[in-house]
């Protein structure tokens, strides 16, 4: 339980920092920060889980700390959902639809790339 707590704090702090950094660089008209966090989180979980399952024997505690704790605190699909509904509610159907499609395909592709990279480790 402590590993999830500590990892979740690190993941949430990282999410807050990266999302803010991306928003600062690209603006707030589109939820770029959330997209960046979700895509990176998907890439990392694909990479790490595949590497841990197929290439390296890892202590289960490391897996709990990293996959459930850090990456669970880092990814922001609940934020994605809220921002998308807000865009749609505000009549920004193009941005809302784009956020759904771009997030879905980017994150699925990121997970696949991470899995392929994990097999090479």
N, C-alpha and C. Protein backbone atom coordinates (compact mmCIF):
# COMPACT_ATOMS: atom_id res chain seq x y z
N UNK A 1 0.83 -1.18 0.00
CA UNK A 1 0.00 0.00 0.00
C UNK A 1 0.88 1.26 0.00
N UNK A 2 1.95 1.24 0.75
CA UNK A 2 2.83 2.40 0.81
C UNK A 2 3.49 2.66 -0.54
N UNK A 3 3.78 1.59 -1.29
CA UNK A 3 4.40 1.76 -2.61
C UNK A 3 3.45 2.46 -3.57
N UNK A 4 2.17 2.11 -3.51
CA UNK A 4 1.18 2.76 -4.36
C UNK A 4 1.04 4.22 -3.95
N UNK A 5 1.00 4.48 -2.67
CA UNK A 5 0.88 5.84 -2.15
C UNK A 5 2.06 6.71 -2.60
N UNK A 6 3.27 6.23 -2.41
CA UNK A 6 4.46 6.99 -2.80
C UNK A 6 4.54 7.17 -4.32
N UNK A 7 4.31 6.09 -5.04
CA UNK A 7 4.35 6.16 -6.50
C UNK A 7 3.27 7.07 -7.05
N UNK A 8 2.07 6.99 -6.48
CA UNK A 8 0.97 7.85 -6.92
C UNK A 8 1.29 9.33 -6.72
N UNK A 9 1.94 9.65 -5.61
CA UNK A 9 2.35 11.04 -5.37
C UNK A 9 3.36 11.51 -6.40
N UNK A 10 4.32 10.66 -6.72
CA UNK A 10 5.31 11.01 -7.74
C UNK A 10 4.66 11.17 -9.11
N UNK A 11 3.74 10.25 -9.43
CA UNK A 11 3.06 10.31 -10.72
C UNK A 11 2.18 11.54 -10.86
N UNK A 12 1.43 11.86 -9.82
CA UNK A 12 0.54 13.02 -9.86
C UNK A 12 1.35 14.31 -9.95
N UNK A 13 2.46 14.38 -9.24
CA UNK A 13 3.32 15.56 -9.31
C UNK A 13 3.91 15.71 -10.70
N UNK A 14 4.33 14.60 -11.29
CA UNK A 14 4.87 14.63 -12.65
C UNK A 14 3.81 15.05 -13.65
N UNK A 15 2.59 14.55 -13.47
CA UNK A 15 1.49 14.92 -14.36
C UNK A 15 1.23 16.42 -14.28
N UNK A 16 1.18 16.95 -13.08
CA UNK A 16 0.93 18.37 -12.87
C UNK A 16 2.01 19.21 -13.56
N UNK A 17 3.26 18.81 -13.39
CA UNK A 17 4.36 19.56 -13.98
C UNK A 17 4.33 19.50 -15.51
N UNK A 18 4.23 18.28 -16.07
CA UNK A 18 4.28 18.13 -17.53
C UNK A 18 3.09 18.80 -18.19
N UNK A 19 1.90 18.61 -17.65
CA UNK A 19 0.72 19.23 -18.23
C UNK A 19 0.84 20.75 -18.22
N UNK A 20 1.30 21.31 -17.13
CA UNK A 20 1.50 22.75 -17.04
C UNK A 20 2.56 23.25 -18.01
N UNK A 21 3.63 22.51 -18.14
CA UNK A 21 4.71 22.87 -19.06
C UNK A 21 4.21 22.91 -20.50
N UNK A 22 3.47 21.87 -20.89
CA UNK A 22 2.94 21.79 -22.26
C UNK A 22 1.93 22.92 -22.50
N UNK A 23 1.05 23.15 -21.55
CA UNK A 23 0.07 24.25 -21.70
C UNK A 23 0.78 25.59 -21.83
N UNK A 24 1.85 25.77 -21.09
CA UNK A 24 2.61 27.01 -21.15
C UNK A 24 3.24 27.20 -22.53
N UNK A 25 3.69 26.12 -23.13
CA UNK A 25 4.34 26.19 -24.44
C UNK A 25 3.34 26.27 -25.59
N UNK A 26 2.20 25.59 -25.48
CA UNK A 26 1.28 25.47 -26.61
C UNK A 26 -0.04 26.22 -26.42
N UNK A 27 -0.30 26.73 -25.24
CA UNK A 27 -1.53 27.46 -25.00
C UNK A 27 -2.64 26.59 -24.45
N UNK A 28 -3.76 27.21 -24.15
CA UNK A 28 -4.88 26.53 -23.49
C UNK A 28 -6.10 26.32 -24.39
N UNK A 29 -6.00 26.60 -25.67
CA UNK A 29 -7.15 26.44 -26.56
C UNK A 29 -7.55 24.99 -26.77
N UNK A 30 -6.63 24.08 -26.60
CA UNK A 30 -6.85 22.65 -26.77
C UNK A 30 -6.13 21.97 -25.60
N UNK A 31 -6.65 20.89 -25.06
CA UNK A 31 -6.00 20.26 -23.90
C UNK A 31 -4.73 19.48 -24.27
N UNK A 32 -3.74 20.22 -24.78
CA UNK A 32 -2.47 19.61 -25.19
C UNK A 32 -1.74 18.93 -24.03
N UNK A 33 -1.79 19.55 -22.85
CA UNK A 33 -1.09 18.98 -21.70
C UNK A 33 -1.62 17.62 -21.32
N UNK A 34 -2.93 17.48 -21.30
CA UNK A 34 -3.54 16.19 -20.97
C UNK A 34 -3.22 15.16 -22.05
N UNK A 35 -3.27 15.58 -23.30
CA UNK A 35 -2.93 14.68 -24.39
C UNK A 35 -1.49 14.19 -24.26
N UNK A 36 -0.56 15.09 -23.96
CA UNK A 36 0.85 14.73 -23.80
C UNK A 36 1.03 13.73 -22.66
N UNK A 37 0.37 13.99 -21.54
CA UNK A 37 0.48 13.10 -20.38
C UNK A 37 -0.08 11.73 -20.71
N UNK A 38 -1.26 11.67 -21.32
CA UNK A 38 -1.86 10.38 -21.65
C UNK A 38 -1.02 9.61 -22.65
N UNK A 39 -0.52 10.28 -23.67
CA UNK A 39 0.29 9.59 -24.68
C UNK A 39 1.59 9.06 -24.06
N UNK A 40 2.25 9.88 -23.25
CA UNK A 40 3.48 9.43 -22.60
C UNK A 40 3.20 8.30 -21.62
N UNK A 41 2.12 8.42 -20.86
CA UNK A 41 1.76 7.36 -19.92
C UNK A 41 1.49 6.04 -20.62
N UNK A 42 0.81 6.09 -21.76
CA UNK A 42 0.54 4.88 -22.53
C UNK A 42 1.83 4.28 -23.09
N UNK A 43 2.71 5.13 -23.58
CA UNK A 43 4.01 4.66 -24.07
C UNK A 43 4.78 3.97 -22.95
N UNK A 44 4.85 4.61 -21.80
CA UNK A 44 5.62 4.06 -20.69
C UNK A 44 5.04 2.77 -20.15
N UNK A 45 3.71 2.68 -20.05
CA UNK A 45 3.13 1.44 -19.52
C UNK A 45 3.33 0.29 -20.51
N UNK A 46 3.23 0.58 -21.81
CA UNK A 46 3.51 -0.46 -22.81
C UNK A 46 4.94 -0.93 -22.73
N UNK A 47 5.86 0.01 -22.64
CA UNK A 47 7.29 -0.31 -22.55
C UNK A 47 7.62 -1.10 -21.29
N UNK A 48 7.22 -0.58 -20.15
CA UNK A 48 7.61 -1.19 -18.88
C UNK A 48 6.94 -2.53 -18.62
N UNK A 49 5.65 -2.62 -18.88
CA UNK A 49 4.97 -3.89 -18.60
C UNK A 49 5.46 -4.98 -19.54
N UNK A 50 5.71 -4.65 -20.79
CA UNK A 50 6.22 -5.66 -21.71
C UNK A 50 7.63 -6.07 -21.32
N UNK A 51 8.46 -5.10 -21.00
CA UNK A 51 9.83 -5.42 -20.58
C UNK A 51 9.82 -6.27 -19.31
N UNK A 52 8.97 -5.94 -18.36
CA UNK A 52 8.92 -6.69 -17.10
C UNK A 52 8.34 -8.09 -17.29
N UNK A 53 7.41 -8.24 -18.22
CA UNK A 53 6.79 -9.54 -18.42
C UNK A 53 7.60 -10.45 -19.34
N UNK A 54 8.25 -9.89 -20.35
CA UNK A 54 8.89 -10.72 -21.37
C UNK A 54 10.42 -10.75 -21.29
N UNK A 55 11.03 -9.73 -20.71
CA UNK A 55 12.48 -9.65 -20.77
C UNK A 55 13.19 -9.76 -19.43
N UNK A 56 12.61 -9.20 -18.40
CA UNK A 56 13.26 -9.15 -17.11
C UNK A 56 12.35 -9.70 -16.02
N UNK A 57 12.94 -10.38 -15.08
CA UNK A 57 12.17 -10.79 -13.91
C UNK A 57 12.28 -9.67 -12.90
N UNK A 58 11.15 -9.06 -12.60
CA UNK A 58 11.13 -7.93 -11.68
C UNK A 58 10.45 -8.33 -10.38
N UNK A 59 10.92 -7.75 -9.34
CA UNK A 59 10.27 -7.89 -8.05
C UNK A 59 8.85 -7.34 -8.18
N UNK A 60 7.84 -8.06 -7.73
CA UNK A 60 6.46 -7.56 -7.83
C UNK A 60 6.27 -6.19 -7.17
N UNK A 61 7.06 -5.88 -6.18
CA UNK A 61 6.96 -4.58 -5.52
C UNK A 61 7.31 -3.44 -6.48
N UNK A 62 8.29 -3.68 -7.35
CA UNK A 62 8.66 -2.66 -8.33
C UNK A 62 7.51 -2.42 -9.31
N UNK A 63 6.90 -3.48 -9.72
CA UNK A 63 5.76 -3.38 -10.65
C UNK A 63 4.60 -2.61 -10.01
N UNK A 64 4.31 -2.91 -8.76
CA UNK A 64 3.26 -2.19 -8.04
C UNK A 64 3.60 -0.72 -7.93
N UNK A 65 4.83 -0.42 -7.53
CA UNK A 65 5.27 0.97 -7.37
C UNK A 65 5.20 1.73 -8.67
N UNK A 66 5.70 1.13 -9.74
CA UNK A 66 5.78 1.85 -11.00
C UNK A 66 4.47 1.86 -11.79
N UNK A 67 3.92 0.69 -12.06
CA UNK A 67 2.74 0.61 -12.92
C UNK A 67 1.48 1.14 -12.23
N UNK A 68 1.24 0.71 -11.01
CA UNK A 68 0.03 1.14 -10.32
C UNK A 68 0.24 2.50 -9.67
N UNK A 69 1.36 2.67 -9.00
CA UNK A 69 1.62 3.92 -8.30
C UNK A 69 1.94 5.09 -9.22
N UNK A 70 3.13 5.05 -9.80
CA UNK A 70 3.58 6.20 -10.60
C UNK A 70 2.70 6.41 -11.83
N UNK A 71 2.54 5.39 -12.65
CA UNK A 71 1.77 5.58 -13.89
C UNK A 71 0.28 5.76 -13.60
N UNK A 72 -0.23 5.13 -12.54
CA UNK A 72 -1.62 5.35 -12.16
C UNK A 72 -1.87 6.79 -11.72
N UNK A 73 -0.90 7.37 -11.03
CA UNK A 73 -1.01 8.77 -10.63
C UNK A 73 -0.73 9.73 -11.77
N UNK A 74 0.01 9.27 -12.77
CA UNK A 74 0.45 10.12 -13.86
C UNK A 74 -0.60 10.30 -14.95
N UNK A 75 -1.23 9.22 -15.38
CA UNK A 75 -2.18 9.32 -16.49
C UNK A 75 -3.46 10.01 -16.04
N UNK A 76 -4.13 10.59 -16.99
CA UNK A 76 -5.23 11.50 -16.64
C UNK A 76 -6.48 11.28 -17.49
N UNK A 77 -6.92 10.05 -17.58
CA UNK A 77 -8.08 9.84 -18.42
C UNK A 77 -9.34 10.47 -17.85
N UNK A 78 -9.40 10.61 -16.54
CA UNK A 78 -10.56 11.30 -15.97
C UNK A 78 -10.54 12.77 -16.36
N UNK A 79 -9.38 13.36 -16.39
CA UNK A 79 -9.25 14.75 -16.83
C UNK A 79 -9.60 14.86 -18.31
N UNK A 80 -9.13 13.91 -19.09
CA UNK A 80 -9.46 13.86 -20.51
C UNK A 80 -10.97 13.86 -20.71
N UNK A 81 -11.65 13.02 -19.96
CA UNK A 81 -13.11 12.92 -20.10
C UNK A 81 -13.79 14.23 -19.75
N UNK A 82 -13.38 14.83 -18.65
CA UNK A 82 -13.98 16.08 -18.22
C UNK A 82 -13.74 17.19 -19.24
N UNK A 83 -12.51 17.30 -19.73
CA UNK A 83 -12.19 18.36 -20.69
C UNK A 83 -12.94 18.16 -22.00
N UNK A 84 -13.09 16.92 -22.42
CA UNK A 84 -13.81 16.64 -23.66
C UNK A 84 -15.29 17.00 -23.52
N UNK A 85 -15.89 16.58 -22.43
CA UNK A 85 -17.30 16.91 -22.20
C UNK A 85 -17.47 18.43 -22.10
N UNK A 86 -16.53 19.11 -21.47
CA UNK A 86 -16.61 20.57 -21.36
C UNK A 86 -16.53 21.23 -22.73
N UNK A 87 -15.64 20.75 -23.58
CA UNK A 87 -15.54 21.29 -24.94
C UNK A 87 -16.85 21.09 -25.69
N UNK A 88 -17.41 19.89 -25.60
CA UNK A 88 -18.66 19.60 -26.29
C UNK A 88 -19.81 20.43 -25.71
N UNK A 89 -19.85 20.53 -24.40
CA UNK A 89 -20.89 21.32 -23.72
C UNK A 89 -20.83 22.79 -24.13
N UNK A 90 -19.61 23.28 -24.35
CA UNK A 90 -19.42 24.68 -24.74
C UNK A 90 -19.58 24.91 -26.24
N UNK A 91 -20.02 23.90 -26.95
CA UNK A 91 -20.27 24.04 -28.38
C UNK A 91 -19.04 23.92 -29.25
N UNK A 92 -17.93 23.52 -28.69
CA UNK A 92 -16.70 23.37 -29.46
C UNK A 92 -16.59 21.92 -29.94
N UNK A 93 -17.50 21.58 -30.85
CA UNK A 93 -17.61 20.20 -31.31
C UNK A 93 -16.38 19.73 -32.07
N UNK A 94 -15.77 20.61 -32.84
CA UNK A 94 -14.57 20.23 -33.58
C UNK A 94 -13.44 19.87 -32.61
N UNK A 95 -13.18 20.73 -31.61
CA UNK A 95 -12.13 20.46 -30.63
C UNK A 95 -12.47 19.24 -29.77
N UNK A 96 -13.72 19.12 -29.37
CA UNK A 96 -14.12 17.96 -28.57
C UNK A 96 -13.94 16.66 -29.32
N UNK A 97 -14.38 16.63 -30.57
CA UNK A 97 -14.22 15.44 -31.40
C UNK A 97 -12.76 15.16 -31.70
N UNK A 98 -12.01 16.22 -31.99
CA UNK A 98 -10.57 16.05 -32.26
C UNK A 98 -9.86 15.49 -31.03
N UNK A 99 -10.23 15.97 -29.85
CA UNK A 99 -9.60 15.47 -28.64
C UNK A 99 -9.85 13.98 -28.44
N UNK A 100 -11.07 13.54 -28.73
CA UNK A 100 -11.39 12.11 -28.62
C UNK A 100 -10.55 11.30 -29.60
N UNK A 101 -10.58 11.68 -30.87
CA UNK A 101 -9.89 10.90 -31.90
C UNK A 101 -8.37 10.94 -31.75
N UNK A 102 -7.82 12.12 -31.55
CA UNK A 102 -6.36 12.25 -31.43
C UNK A 102 -5.87 11.53 -30.19
N UNK A 103 -6.58 11.67 -29.08
CA UNK A 103 -6.17 10.99 -27.84
C UNK A 103 -6.22 9.48 -28.01
N UNK A 104 -7.30 8.99 -28.56
CA UNK A 104 -7.46 7.54 -28.73
C UNK A 104 -6.35 6.96 -29.58
N UNK A 105 -6.16 7.50 -30.78
CA UNK A 105 -5.16 6.94 -31.68
C UNK A 105 -3.74 7.17 -31.21
N UNK A 106 -3.46 8.33 -30.64
CA UNK A 106 -2.11 8.61 -30.14
C UNK A 106 -1.76 7.67 -28.99
N UNK A 107 -2.69 7.46 -28.08
CA UNK A 107 -2.40 6.61 -26.93
C UNK A 107 -2.31 5.13 -27.31
N UNK A 108 -3.17 4.67 -28.19
CA UNK A 108 -3.05 3.28 -28.65
C UNK A 108 -1.74 3.06 -29.40
N UNK A 109 -1.37 4.02 -30.24
CA UNK A 109 -0.11 3.92 -30.97
C UNK A 109 1.07 3.98 -30.00
N UNK A 110 1.00 4.87 -29.01
CA UNK A 110 2.07 4.97 -28.01
C UNK A 110 2.25 3.67 -27.24
N UNK A 111 1.14 3.04 -26.87
CA UNK A 111 1.22 1.77 -26.15
C UNK A 111 1.86 0.71 -27.04
N UNK A 112 1.48 0.65 -28.30
CA UNK A 112 2.04 -0.33 -29.23
C UNK A 112 3.54 -0.10 -29.42
N UNK A 113 3.94 1.17 -29.61
CA UNK A 113 5.37 1.49 -29.77
C UNK A 113 6.13 1.10 -28.50
N UNK A 114 5.56 1.42 -27.34
CA UNK A 114 6.20 1.03 -26.08
C UNK A 114 6.37 -0.47 -25.95
N UNK A 115 5.36 -1.22 -26.38
CA UNK A 115 5.45 -2.67 -26.33
C UNK A 115 6.53 -3.20 -27.25
N UNK A 116 6.63 -2.60 -28.45
CA UNK A 116 7.67 -3.03 -29.38
C UNK A 116 9.05 -2.71 -28.82
N UNK A 117 9.19 -1.53 -28.24
CA UNK A 117 10.48 -1.14 -27.64
C UNK A 117 10.81 -2.03 -26.44
N UNK A 118 9.77 -2.39 -25.67
CA UNK A 118 9.99 -3.26 -24.52
C UNK A 118 10.52 -4.63 -24.90
N UNK A 119 10.17 -5.11 -26.07
CA UNK A 119 10.66 -6.40 -26.54
C UNK A 119 12.12 -6.35 -26.91
N UNK A 120 12.63 -5.15 -27.17
CA UNK A 120 14.03 -5.00 -27.59
C UNK A 120 14.98 -4.87 -26.41
N UNK A 121 14.45 -4.59 -25.24
CA UNK A 121 15.33 -4.41 -24.06
C UNK A 121 15.95 -5.71 -23.61
